[in-house]
Each structure stands twice: as C-alpha cells, then as structure tokens.
C-alpha atoms as a PDB file:
ATOM      1  CA  MET A   1      80.358 101.450  99.905  1.00  0.00           C
ATOM      2  CA  PRO A   2      81.661  97.656  99.765  1.00  0.00           C
ATOM      3  CA  ALA A   3      85.236  96.756 100.633  1.00  0.00           C
ATOM      4  CA  LEU A   4      87.114  96.044  97.465  1.00  0.00           C
ATOM      5  CA  PRO A   5      87.824  92.049  97.378  1.00  0.00           C
ATOM      6  CA  ASN A   6      92.126  91.409  97.860  1.00  0.00           C
ATOM      7  CA  ASP A   7      92.621  90.405  94.187  1.00  0.00           C
ATOM      8  CA  HIS A   8      90.758  93.746  92.856  1.00  0.00           C
ATOM      9  CA  PRO A   9      93.680  94.823  90.394  1.00  0.00           C
ATOM     10  CA  ARG A  10      93.785  98.207  92.257  1.00  0.00           C
ATOM     11  CA  VAL A  11      94.655  96.512  94.693  1.00  0.00           C
ATOM     12  CA  ASN A  12      96.434  94.653  93.193  1.00  0.00           C
ATOM     13  CA  PHE A  13      98.000  98.097  91.309  1.00  0.00           C
ATOM     14  CA  ILE A  14      99.416  99.119  95.013  1.00  0.00           C
ATOM     15  CA  ARG A  15     101.331  95.748  95.666  1.00  0.00           C
ATOM     16  CA  VAL A  16     103.057  96.052  92.461  1.00  0.00           C
ATOM     17  CA  GLU A  17     103.985  99.613  93.288  1.00  0.00           C
ATOM     18  CA  VAL A  18     105.061  98.704  96.268  1.00  0.00           C
ATOM     19  CA  LYS A  19     107.297  95.561  95.177  1.00  0.00           C
ATOM     20  CA  THR A  20     108.817  97.333  92.315  1.00  0.00           C
ATOM     21  CA  GLY A  21     110.073 100.258  94.685  1.00  0.00           C
ATOM     22  CA  LEU A  22     111.652  97.338  96.778  1.00  0.00           C
ATOM     23  CA  THR A  23     113.506  96.040  93.651  1.00  0.00           C
ATOM     24  CA  LEU A  24     114.802  99.481  92.269  1.00  0.00           C
ATOM     25  CA  VAL A  25     115.940 100.097  96.503  1.00  0.00           C
ATOM     26  CA  LYS A  26     117.956  96.908  95.159  1.00  0.00           C
ATOM     27  CA  LEU A  27     119.117  97.581  92.458  1.00  0.00           C
ATOM     28  CA  ALA A  28     120.252 101.159  94.075  1.00  0.00           C
ATOM     29  CA  TYR A  29     122.245  99.190  95.946  1.00  0.00           C
ATOM     30  CA  THR A  30     123.642  97.275  93.171  1.00  0.00           C
ATOM     31  CA  GLU A  31     124.928 100.616  91.059  1.00  0.00           C
ATOM     32  CA  ARG A  32     126.675 102.856  93.991  1.00  0.00           C
ATOM     33  CA  PHE A  33     128.809  99.483  94.738  1.00  0.00           C
ATOM     34  CA  SER A  34     128.917  99.295  90.699  1.00  0.00           C
ATOM     35  CA  ARG A  35     130.243 102.875  91.943  1.00  0.00           C
ATOM     36  CA  ASP A  36     127.516 103.903  88.838  1.00  0.00           C
ATOM     37  CA  ARG A  37     125.875 106.888  90.977  1.00  0.00           C
ATOM     38  CA  ALA A  38     123.543 108.529  88.334  1.00  0.00           C
ATOM     39  CA  GLY A  39     122.471 104.603  87.945  1.00  0.00           C
ATOM     40  CA  ALA A  40     122.047 104.661  91.693  1.00  0.00           C
ATOM     41  CA  ASN A  41     120.350 107.943  91.874  1.00  0.00           C
ATOM     42  CA  ARG A  42     117.611 106.440  88.574  1.00  0.00           C
ATOM     43  CA  ALA A  43     116.915 103.752  90.806  1.00  0.00           C
ATOM     44  CA  ILE A  44     116.338 105.568  94.066  1.00  0.00           C
ATOM     45  CA  GLY A  45     113.963 107.715  92.721  1.00  0.00           C
ATOM     46  CA  LEU A  46     112.216 105.661  90.660  1.00  0.00           C
ATOM     47  CA  ALA A  47     111.550 103.529  93.886  1.00  0.00           C
ATOM     48  CA  ARG A  48     110.538 106.958  95.550  1.00  0.00           C
ATOM     49  CA  LYS A  49     108.133 107.689  93.061  1.00  0.00           C
ATOM     50  CA  ALA A  50     106.536 103.565  93.474  1.00  0.00           C
ATOM     51  CA  LEU A  51     106.183 105.022  96.995  1.00  0.00           C
ATOM     52  CA  GLU A  52     104.757 108.012  96.103  1.00  0.00           C
ATOM     53  CA  THR A  53     102.042 106.595  94.437  1.00  0.00           C
ATOM     54  CA  ALA A  54     101.107 103.450  96.693  1.00  0.00           C
ATOM     55  CA  ARG A  55     100.738 105.944  99.387  1.00  0.00           C
ATOM     56  CA  HIS A  56      98.840 108.975  96.947  1.00  0.00           C
ATOM     57  CA  PHE A  57      96.199 105.732  95.925  1.00  0.00           C
ATOM     58  CA  LEU A  58      95.549 103.532  98.872  1.00  0.00           C
ATOM     59  CA  PRO A  59      93.716 106.086 100.503  1.00  0.00           C
ATOM     60  CA  LYS A  60      91.229 106.391  97.899  1.00  0.00           C
ATOM     61  CA  LEU A  61      90.618 102.480  98.033  1.00  0.00           C
ATOM     62  CA  THR A  62      87.541 100.798 100.213  1.00  0.00           C
ATOM     63  CA  LEU A  63      89.424  98.013 101.843  1.00  0.00           C
ATOM     64  CA  THR A  64      89.002  95.530 104.452  1.00  0.00           C
ATOM     65  CA  SER A  65      90.814  96.063 107.739  1.00  0.00           C
ATOM     66  CA  ALA A  66      93.501  93.347 106.440  1.00  0.00           C
ATOM     67  CA  VAL A  67      94.053  94.169 103.155  1.00  0.00           C
ATOM     68  CA  LYS A  68      94.192  97.766 104.231  1.00  0.00           C
ATOM     69  CA  GLN A  69      96.909  96.542 106.932  1.00  0.00           C
ATOM     70  CA  GLU A  70      99.116  94.586 104.591  1.00  0.00           C
ATOM     71  CA  LEU A  71      99.798  97.086 102.222  1.00  0.00           C
ATOM     72  CA  GLN A  72      99.880  99.758 104.427  1.00  0.00           C
ATOM     73  CA  GLN A  73     103.024  97.494 106.211  1.00  0.00           C
ATOM     74  CA  GLY A  74     104.752  96.911 102.274  1.00  0.00           C
ATOM     75  CA  ILE A  75     104.528 100.575 101.881  1.00  0.00           C
ATOM     76  CA  ASP A  76     106.280 101.332 105.779  1.00  0.00           C
ATOM     77  CA  THR A  77     108.342  98.471 104.597  1.00  0.00           C
ATOM     78  CA  LEU A  78     109.381 100.687 101.150  1.00  0.00           C
ATOM     79  CA  GLU A  79     109.460 103.900 102.763  1.00  0.00           C
ATOM     80  CA  SER A  80     111.657 101.897 105.721  1.00  0.00           C
ATOM     81  CA  GLU A  81     114.352 101.217 102.510  1.00  0.00           C
ATOM     82  CA  ILE A  82     114.448 104.486 100.917  1.00  0.00           C
ATOM     83  CA  GLY A  83     115.182 105.593 104.803  1.00  0.00           C
ATOM     84  CA  ARG A  84     118.525 102.768 105.263  1.00  0.00           C
ATOM     85  CA  TYR A  85     119.492 103.473 101.322  1.00  0.00           C
ATOM     86  CA  ASP A  86     119.218 107.020 101.925  1.00  0.00           C
ATOM     87  CA  ASN A  87     121.407 107.097 105.639  1.00  0.00           C
ATOM     88  CA  THR A  88     124.425 104.619 104.093  1.00  0.00           C
ATOM     89  CA  SER A  89     127.188 105.913 102.495  1.00  0.00           C
ATOM     90  CA  ASP A  90     128.682 104.719  99.550  1.00  0.00           C
ATOM     91  CA  GLU A  91     132.280 103.585 101.290  1.00  0.00           C
ATOM     92  CA  SER A  92     130.123 101.827 102.593  1.00  0.00           C
ATOM     93  CA  VAL A  93     128.189  99.863 100.304  1.00  0.00           C
ATOM     94  CA  THR A  94     131.642  99.506  98.397  1.00  0.00           C
ATOM     95  CA  ARG A  95     133.472  97.678 101.536  1.00  0.00           C
END
C-alpha cells in the first residue's frame, strides 16, 4: 500500500489532535492559574484524550518516514507537556 500524501485528511486529523491537545494543556495552566480546578481538570483530561486518539490512529496509517517522524514528534511533545503539567504543583503556577 502506498504512503498517504502529506496533506491527506487522516494525516491532518492526527496533526489537529496534537495541536488541539497542546492548546488544551495551555488552557489547563490558565485555568489552574485562575484557581478553576474543575476547568483545569477538564482541559487536561481532554488533552489526554487527544493524545490517546493520536496514538491510536498513527500506527494504522501508511506514511512516509518524514511524515511519520513529524507526527510522532508532535505526539511526543504533547505527552511531555502533559507530564510537565502533571508534575507542576498548583503553588508554582499561582505564584
């Protein structure tokens, strides 16, 4: 099976999931800073869902090595940002 083109909707779907997840991590920090714990929890939960979705669909696609590397780097970055959020205390964000 030939590799999907760089602009294929399935490829773009994973890109959007990663970008949305990264935006949600930023929103979680903002909500935490505003002392809205429920909003922060909701945002980081949605970021985790975006990460799970991207991880789920990436292996199902036939991609060029460059596109696969790009998407995997995005997934790795999102995972790292979620981990950083999880390891940041409320006090260090609100100071």
